[in-house]
Amino acid sequence: MKKLKSYTRIWSVEKVIYAINDFRLPFPVTFNQMTWFVLSLLAVILLGNLPPLSLIDGALLKYVGIPVGITWFMSKKSFDGKKPYGFLKSVVTYFIRPKVTYAGKLVKFQKKKVDEEITAVRGKVHALSD
């Protein structure tokens, strides 16, 4: 298989915000990090009265600490070389997609019905001798 060089990654530079109006931020923030912070802050505000979040008394921890933690986790951590949301998406699609496939397409049997999950493993069979 031949590898082709692609330079499309050059054009996908993530935009960074250093200041908002005249207020200079203490550290640069990307749009992706801003999005995760705003979404997690909205989730904390909307779900703040439910039991896990309602037990937290500190407003600073609840409305700043948790969104900052979620933002850091989603922007810095990776599983199998993927960001957490990409990893979660691949796990969910694995559980949703059909398990009996050929070339990525569902195999439909006419007469035989397969309800069990089968894992085929190539290996050697070793017989025990006395």
N, C-alpha and C. Protein backbone atom coordinates (compact mmCIF):
# COMPACT_ATOMS: atom_id res chain seq x y z
N MET A 1 0.85 -1.17 0.00
CA MET A 1 0.00 0.00 0.00
C MET A 1 0.90 1.23 0.00
N LYS A 2 0.59 2.18 -0.84
CA LYS A 2 1.36 3.40 -0.95
C LYS A 2 0.79 4.48 -0.05
N LYS A 3 1.67 5.21 0.60
CA LYS A 3 1.22 6.34 1.41
C LYS A 3 1.32 7.61 0.58
N LEU A 4 0.25 8.35 0.57
CA LEU A 4 0.23 9.63 -0.13
C LEU A 4 0.38 10.75 0.88
N LYS A 5 1.22 11.69 0.57
CA LYS A 5 1.39 12.84 1.45
C LYS A 5 0.26 13.82 1.21
N SER A 6 -0.31 14.28 2.32
CA SER A 6 -1.40 15.23 2.24
C SER A 6 -1.07 16.42 3.12
N TYR A 7 -1.30 17.59 2.60
CA TYR A 7 -0.98 18.80 3.33
C TYR A 7 -2.24 19.53 3.79
N THR A 8 -3.35 18.81 3.90
CA THR A 8 -4.60 19.45 4.33
C THR A 8 -4.54 19.85 5.80
N ARG A 9 -3.71 19.20 6.59
CA ARG A 9 -3.62 19.52 8.02
C ARG A 9 -3.05 20.92 8.24
N ILE A 10 -2.31 21.43 7.27
CA ILE A 10 -1.74 22.78 7.38
C ILE A 10 -2.85 23.81 7.50
N TRP A 11 -3.95 23.60 6.80
CA TRP A 11 -5.03 24.59 6.76
C TRP A 11 -6.00 24.45 7.92
N SER A 12 -5.90 23.39 8.70
CA SER A 12 -6.82 23.21 9.82
C SER A 12 -6.17 23.67 11.13
N VAL A 13 -5.75 24.90 11.17
CA VAL A 13 -5.14 25.48 12.36
C VAL A 13 -6.25 25.95 13.29
N GLU A 14 -6.15 25.53 14.55
CA GLU A 14 -7.19 25.91 15.51
C GLU A 14 -7.00 27.36 15.94
N LYS A 15 -8.08 28.10 15.95
CA LYS A 15 -8.02 29.51 16.31
C LYS A 15 -7.91 29.66 17.83
N VAL A 16 -7.08 30.61 18.24
CA VAL A 16 -6.81 30.83 19.66
C VAL A 16 -7.20 32.26 20.01
N ILE A 17 -7.85 32.43 21.17
CA ILE A 17 -8.25 33.75 21.65
C ILE A 17 -7.30 34.15 22.78
N TYR A 18 -6.69 35.33 22.63
CA TYR A 18 -5.77 35.84 23.63
C TYR A 18 -6.41 36.93 24.49
N ALA A 19 -7.44 37.60 23.96
CA ALA A 19 -8.10 38.68 24.70
C ALA A 19 -9.55 38.79 24.24
N ILE A 20 -10.40 39.25 25.15
CA ILE A 20 -11.80 39.53 24.84
C ILE A 20 -11.99 41.02 25.04
N ASN A 21 -12.31 41.72 23.96
CA ASN A 21 -12.34 43.19 23.94
C ASN A 21 -10.99 43.72 24.41
N ASP A 22 -10.94 44.47 25.49
CA ASP A 22 -9.67 44.99 26.00
C ASP A 22 -9.14 44.16 27.17
N PHE A 23 -9.88 43.13 27.57
CA PHE A 23 -9.47 42.30 28.70
C PHE A 23 -8.55 41.18 28.19
N ARG A 24 -7.30 41.21 28.62
CA ARG A 24 -6.32 40.19 28.22
C ARG A 24 -6.49 38.95 29.10
N LEU A 25 -6.65 37.79 28.47
CA LEU A 25 -6.82 36.54 29.21
C LEU A 25 -5.48 36.09 29.79
N PRO A 26 -5.49 35.46 30.97
CA PRO A 26 -4.23 35.01 31.58
C PRO A 26 -3.55 33.89 30.79
N PHE A 27 -4.32 33.15 30.02
CA PHE A 27 -3.76 32.08 29.19
C PHE A 27 -4.60 31.98 27.91
N PRO A 28 -4.01 31.58 26.80
CA PRO A 28 -4.78 31.49 25.55
C PRO A 28 -5.83 30.39 25.62
N VAL A 29 -6.97 30.66 25.01
CA VAL A 29 -8.10 29.73 25.01
C VAL A 29 -8.51 29.48 23.57
N THR A 30 -8.73 28.21 23.22
CA THR A 30 -9.18 27.87 21.87
C THR A 30 -10.70 27.92 21.81
N PHE A 31 -11.23 27.97 20.60
CA PHE A 31 -12.69 27.96 20.44
C PHE A 31 -13.28 26.65 20.93
N ASN A 32 -12.55 25.57 20.73
CA ASN A 32 -13.02 24.27 21.19
C ASN A 32 -13.15 24.26 22.72
N GLN A 33 -12.15 24.80 23.41
CA GLN A 33 -12.21 24.87 24.87
C GLN A 33 -13.33 25.79 25.35
N MET A 34 -13.54 26.90 24.64
CA MET A 34 -14.64 27.80 25.01
C MET A 34 -15.99 27.10 24.85
N THR A 35 -16.13 26.34 23.79
CA THR A 35 -17.38 25.62 23.54
C THR A 35 -17.65 24.60 24.64
N TRP A 36 -16.63 23.81 25.00
CA TRP A 36 -16.80 22.82 26.06
C TRP A 36 -17.13 23.49 27.39
N PHE A 37 -16.49 24.63 27.69
CA PHE A 37 -16.76 25.32 28.94
C PHE A 37 -18.20 25.82 28.98
N VAL A 38 -18.65 26.44 27.91
CA VAL A 38 -20.02 26.98 27.87
C VAL A 38 -21.05 25.86 27.95
N LEU A 39 -20.82 24.77 27.19
CA LEU A 39 -21.77 23.65 27.23
C LEU A 39 -21.82 22.98 28.60
N SER A 40 -20.66 22.80 29.23
CA SER A 40 -20.66 22.18 30.55
C SER A 40 -21.24 23.12 31.60
N LEU A 41 -21.03 24.44 31.46
CA LEU A 41 -21.64 25.40 32.39
C LEU A 41 -23.16 25.38 32.25
N LEU A 42 -23.66 25.35 31.02
CA LEU A 42 -25.11 25.25 30.80
C LEU A 42 -25.67 23.95 31.38
N ALA A 43 -24.94 22.85 31.23
CA ALA A 43 -25.39 21.57 31.80
C ALA A 43 -25.44 21.64 33.32
N VAL A 44 -24.45 22.27 33.93
CA VAL A 44 -24.44 22.41 35.39
C VAL A 44 -25.59 23.30 35.85
N ILE A 45 -25.86 24.37 35.12
CA ILE A 45 -26.97 25.26 35.49
C ILE A 45 -28.31 24.54 35.35
N LEU A 46 -28.49 23.80 34.25
CA LEU A 46 -29.76 23.12 34.02
C LEU A 46 -29.96 21.93 34.96
N LEU A 47 -28.88 21.20 35.26
CA LEU A 47 -28.99 19.99 36.08
C LEU A 47 -28.53 20.24 37.52
N GLY A 48 -28.44 21.49 37.93
CA GLY A 48 -27.94 21.83 39.26
C GLY A 48 -28.82 21.39 40.40
N ASN A 49 -30.09 21.15 40.15
CA ASN A 49 -31.00 20.75 41.22
C ASN A 49 -31.12 19.24 41.35
N LEU A 50 -30.48 18.48 40.49
CA LEU A 50 -30.51 17.02 40.58
C LEU A 50 -29.48 16.54 41.58
N PRO A 51 -29.68 15.36 42.16
CA PRO A 51 -28.88 14.89 43.30
C PRO A 51 -27.36 14.99 43.22
N PRO A 52 -26.66 14.60 42.16
CA PRO A 52 -25.20 14.71 42.30
C PRO A 52 -24.74 16.15 42.43
N LEU A 53 -25.34 17.06 41.67
CA LEU A 53 -24.91 18.46 41.70
C LEU A 53 -25.57 19.24 42.83
N SER A 54 -26.73 18.80 43.29
CA SER A 54 -27.40 19.53 44.37
C SER A 54 -26.69 19.34 45.71
N LEU A 55 -25.83 18.33 45.82
CA LEU A 55 -25.11 18.09 47.06
C LEU A 55 -23.87 18.98 47.20
N ILE A 56 -23.47 19.67 46.13
CA ILE A 56 -22.31 20.56 46.17
C ILE A 56 -22.79 21.94 46.61
N ASP A 57 -22.21 22.43 47.72
CA ASP A 57 -22.62 23.72 48.27
C ASP A 57 -21.84 24.89 47.70
N GLY A 58 -20.58 24.72 47.40
CA GLY A 58 -19.74 25.82 46.93
C GLY A 58 -20.10 26.24 45.52
N ALA A 59 -20.48 27.50 45.35
CA ALA A 59 -20.85 28.00 44.02
C ALA A 59 -19.63 28.07 43.10
N LEU A 60 -18.46 28.38 43.66
CA LEU A 60 -17.25 28.46 42.84
C LEU A 60 -16.89 27.09 42.28
N LEU A 61 -16.97 26.07 43.12
CA LEU A 61 -16.68 24.71 42.66
C LEU A 61 -17.73 24.24 41.66
N LYS A 62 -18.99 24.54 41.96
CA LYS A 62 -20.09 24.05 41.14
C LYS A 62 -20.13 24.72 39.77
N TYR A 63 -19.98 26.05 39.72
CA TYR A 63 -20.16 26.77 38.46
C TYR A 63 -18.87 27.14 37.75
N VAL A 64 -17.72 26.92 38.39
CA VAL A 64 -16.45 27.19 37.72
C VAL A 64 -15.58 25.93 37.69
N GLY A 65 -15.45 25.26 38.83
CA GLY A 65 -14.56 24.11 38.93
C GLY A 65 -14.97 22.94 38.06
N ILE A 66 -16.24 22.58 38.09
CA ILE A 66 -16.71 21.44 37.29
C ILE A 66 -16.61 21.75 35.79
N PRO A 67 -17.07 22.90 35.30
CA PRO A 67 -16.89 23.19 33.87
C PRO A 67 -15.42 23.26 33.43
N VAL A 68 -14.55 23.81 34.29
CA VAL A 68 -13.12 23.85 33.95
C VAL A 68 -12.56 22.43 33.89
N GLY A 69 -12.95 21.58 34.82
CA GLY A 69 -12.49 20.18 34.82
C GLY A 69 -12.95 19.43 33.59
N ILE A 70 -14.21 19.61 33.22
CA ILE A 70 -14.74 18.95 32.02
C ILE A 70 -14.04 19.47 30.77
N THR A 71 -13.81 20.77 30.72
CA THR A 71 -13.12 21.38 29.58
C THR A 71 -11.70 20.85 29.46
N TRP A 72 -10.99 20.78 30.56
CA TRP A 72 -9.62 20.25 30.54
C TRP A 72 -9.62 18.80 30.09
N PHE A 73 -10.54 17.99 30.64
CA PHE A 73 -10.61 16.57 30.30
C PHE A 73 -10.89 16.38 28.81
N MET A 74 -11.85 17.13 28.27
CA MET A 74 -12.23 16.96 26.87
C MET A 74 -11.19 17.49 25.90
N SER A 75 -10.35 18.43 26.32
CA SER A 75 -9.38 18.99 25.39
C SER A 75 -8.00 18.37 25.51
N LYS A 76 -7.66 17.78 26.63
CA LYS A 76 -6.30 17.27 26.84
C LYS A 76 -6.19 15.76 26.81
N LYS A 77 -7.15 15.04 27.30
CA LYS A 77 -7.05 13.59 27.38
C LYS A 77 -7.38 12.93 26.05
N SER A 78 -6.82 11.74 25.83
CA SER A 78 -7.15 10.98 24.62
C SER A 78 -7.14 9.50 24.95
N PHE A 79 -8.03 8.77 24.32
CA PHE A 79 -8.13 7.32 24.46
C PHE A 79 -7.92 6.71 23.08
N ASP A 80 -6.97 5.82 22.96
CA ASP A 80 -6.63 5.19 21.68
C ASP A 80 -6.32 6.23 20.61
N GLY A 81 -5.72 7.33 21.00
CA GLY A 81 -5.37 8.39 20.05
C GLY A 81 -6.54 9.25 19.63
N LYS A 82 -7.69 9.11 20.30
CA LYS A 82 -8.88 9.89 19.97
C LYS A 82 -9.25 10.77 21.16
N LYS A 83 -9.92 11.85 20.86
CA LYS A 83 -10.46 12.70 21.93
C LYS A 83 -11.60 11.94 22.61
N PRO A 84 -11.95 12.28 23.85
CA PRO A 84 -12.99 11.52 24.57
C PRO A 84 -14.33 11.44 23.84
N TYR A 85 -14.77 12.52 23.19
CA TYR A 85 -16.05 12.45 22.49
C TYR A 85 -15.96 11.56 21.25
N GLY A 86 -14.82 11.52 20.58
CA GLY A 86 -14.64 10.61 19.43
C GLY A 86 -14.58 9.17 19.89
N PHE A 87 -13.93 8.92 21.03
CA PHE A 87 -13.86 7.57 21.59
C PHE A 87 -15.25 7.11 22.00
N LEU A 88 -16.01 7.98 22.66
CA LEU A 88 -17.37 7.64 23.08
C LEU A 88 -18.25 7.36 21.87
N LYS A 89 -18.09 8.15 20.81
CA LYS A 89 -18.86 7.93 19.59
C LYS A 89 -18.54 6.58 18.97
N SER A 90 -17.26 6.18 18.95
CA SER A 90 -16.90 4.90 18.37
C SER A 90 -17.41 3.73 19.21
N VAL A 91 -17.43 3.88 20.55
CA VAL A 91 -17.96 2.83 21.41
C VAL A 91 -19.46 2.66 21.19
N VAL A 92 -20.18 3.78 21.11
CA VAL A 92 -21.63 3.71 20.89
C VAL A 92 -21.95 3.10 19.53
N THR A 93 -21.23 3.51 18.49
CA THR A 93 -21.49 2.93 17.16
C THR A 93 -21.13 1.45 17.13
N TYR A 94 -20.15 1.00 17.92
CA TYR A 94 -19.82 -0.41 17.98
C TYR A 94 -21.00 -1.20 18.54
N PHE A 95 -21.63 -0.70 19.61
CA PHE A 95 -22.74 -1.42 20.20
C PHE A 95 -24.00 -1.35 19.34
N ILE A 96 -24.14 -0.34 18.50
CA ILE A 96 -25.33 -0.20 17.67
C ILE A 96 -25.24 -1.00 16.37
N ARG A 97 -24.06 -1.05 15.76
CA ARG A 97 -23.93 -1.68 14.45
C ARG A 97 -24.13 -3.18 14.53
N PRO A 98 -24.52 -3.80 13.38
CA PRO A 98 -24.71 -5.26 13.37
C PRO A 98 -23.37 -5.98 13.54
N LYS A 99 -23.41 -7.13 14.22
CA LYS A 99 -22.18 -7.84 14.52
C LYS A 99 -21.78 -8.82 13.42
N VAL A 100 -22.72 -9.34 12.68
CA VAL A 100 -22.41 -10.29 11.61
C VAL A 100 -22.34 -9.50 10.31
N THR A 101 -21.12 -9.23 9.85
CA THR A 101 -20.95 -8.41 8.67
C THR A 101 -19.96 -9.05 7.71
N TYR A 102 -20.06 -8.65 6.47
CA TYR A 102 -19.08 -9.00 5.45
C TYR A 102 -18.79 -7.72 4.69
N ALA A 103 -17.54 -7.30 4.69
CA ALA A 103 -17.11 -6.06 4.03
C ALA A 103 -17.87 -4.86 4.58
N GLY A 104 -18.17 -4.90 5.88
CA GLY A 104 -18.81 -3.77 6.53
C GLY A 104 -20.31 -3.69 6.33
N LYS A 105 -20.89 -4.67 5.66
CA LYS A 105 -22.35 -4.67 5.41
C LYS A 105 -23.00 -5.82 6.16
N LEU A 106 -24.24 -5.61 6.59
CA LEU A 106 -25.00 -6.60 7.33
C LEU A 106 -25.23 -7.85 6.50
N VAL A 107 -25.03 -9.02 7.12
CA VAL A 107 -25.29 -10.29 6.45
C VAL A 107 -26.66 -10.76 6.90
N LYS A 108 -27.56 -11.00 5.93
CA LYS A 108 -28.90 -11.49 6.24
C LYS A 108 -29.00 -12.94 5.80
N PHE A 109 -29.34 -13.80 6.75
CA PHE A 109 -29.50 -15.21 6.45
C PHE A 109 -30.95 -15.48 6.08
N GLN A 110 -31.17 -16.32 5.06
CA GLN A 110 -32.53 -16.63 4.61
C GLN A 110 -33.21 -17.61 5.57
N LYS A 111 -32.53 -18.72 5.88
CA LYS A 111 -33.16 -19.78 6.67
C LYS A 111 -32.66 -19.83 8.11
N LYS A 112 -31.46 -19.44 8.32
CA LYS A 112 -30.85 -19.57 9.64
C LYS A 112 -30.94 -18.24 10.39
N LYS A 113 -31.34 -18.30 11.64
CA LYS A 113 -31.42 -17.10 12.45
C LYS A 113 -30.31 -17.14 13.50
N VAL A 114 -29.53 -16.08 13.52
CA VAL A 114 -28.40 -16.00 14.45
C VAL A 114 -28.73 -14.96 15.50
N ASP A 115 -28.84 -15.42 16.75
CA ASP A 115 -29.14 -14.50 17.85
C ASP A 115 -27.95 -14.31 18.78
N GLU A 116 -27.00 -15.21 18.70
CA GLU A 116 -25.88 -15.12 19.63
C GLU A 116 -24.71 -14.38 19.00
N GLU A 117 -23.89 -13.82 19.85
CA GLU A 117 -22.69 -13.14 19.37
C GLU A 117 -21.56 -14.16 19.33
N ILE A 118 -20.85 -14.20 18.22
CA ILE A 118 -19.78 -15.17 18.04
C ILE A 118 -18.48 -14.40 17.78
N THR A 119 -17.44 -14.83 18.47
CA THR A 119 -16.12 -14.25 18.22
C THR A 119 -15.24 -15.35 17.66
N ALA A 120 -14.74 -15.16 16.47
CA ALA A 120 -13.86 -16.14 15.84
C ALA A 120 -12.42 -15.73 16.07
N VAL A 121 -11.62 -16.67 16.55
CA VAL A 121 -10.22 -16.41 16.82
C VAL A 121 -9.39 -17.46 16.11
N ARG A 122 -8.41 -17.01 15.36
CA ARG A 122 -7.50 -17.95 14.72
C ARG A 122 -6.48 -18.41 15.74
N GLY A 123 -6.22 -19.67 15.74
CA GLY A 123 -5.24 -20.19 16.67
C GLY A 123 -4.95 -21.64 16.38
N LYS A 124 -4.04 -22.19 17.13
CA LYS A 124 -3.69 -23.61 16.98
C LYS A 124 -4.43 -24.41 18.03
N VAL A 125 -4.84 -25.60 17.65
CA VAL A 125 -5.49 -26.51 18.58
C VAL A 125 -4.43 -27.47 19.08
N HIS A 126 -4.27 -27.54 20.37
CA HIS A 126 -3.30 -28.43 20.99
C HIS A 126 -4.04 -29.55 21.68
N ALA A 127 -3.66 -30.80 21.37
CA ALA A 127 -4.29 -31.95 22.00
C ALA A 127 -3.40 -32.41 23.16
N LEU A 128 -4.04 -32.82 24.22
CA LEU A 128 -3.29 -33.36 25.36
C LEU A 128 -3.05 -34.82 25.14
N SER A 129 -1.86 -35.28 25.42
CA SER A 129 -1.55 -36.71 25.25
C SER A 129 -1.08 -37.26 26.60
N ASP A 130 -1.34 -38.52 26.79
CA ASP A 130 -0.94 -39.18 28.04
C ASP A 130 0.44 -39.71 27.97
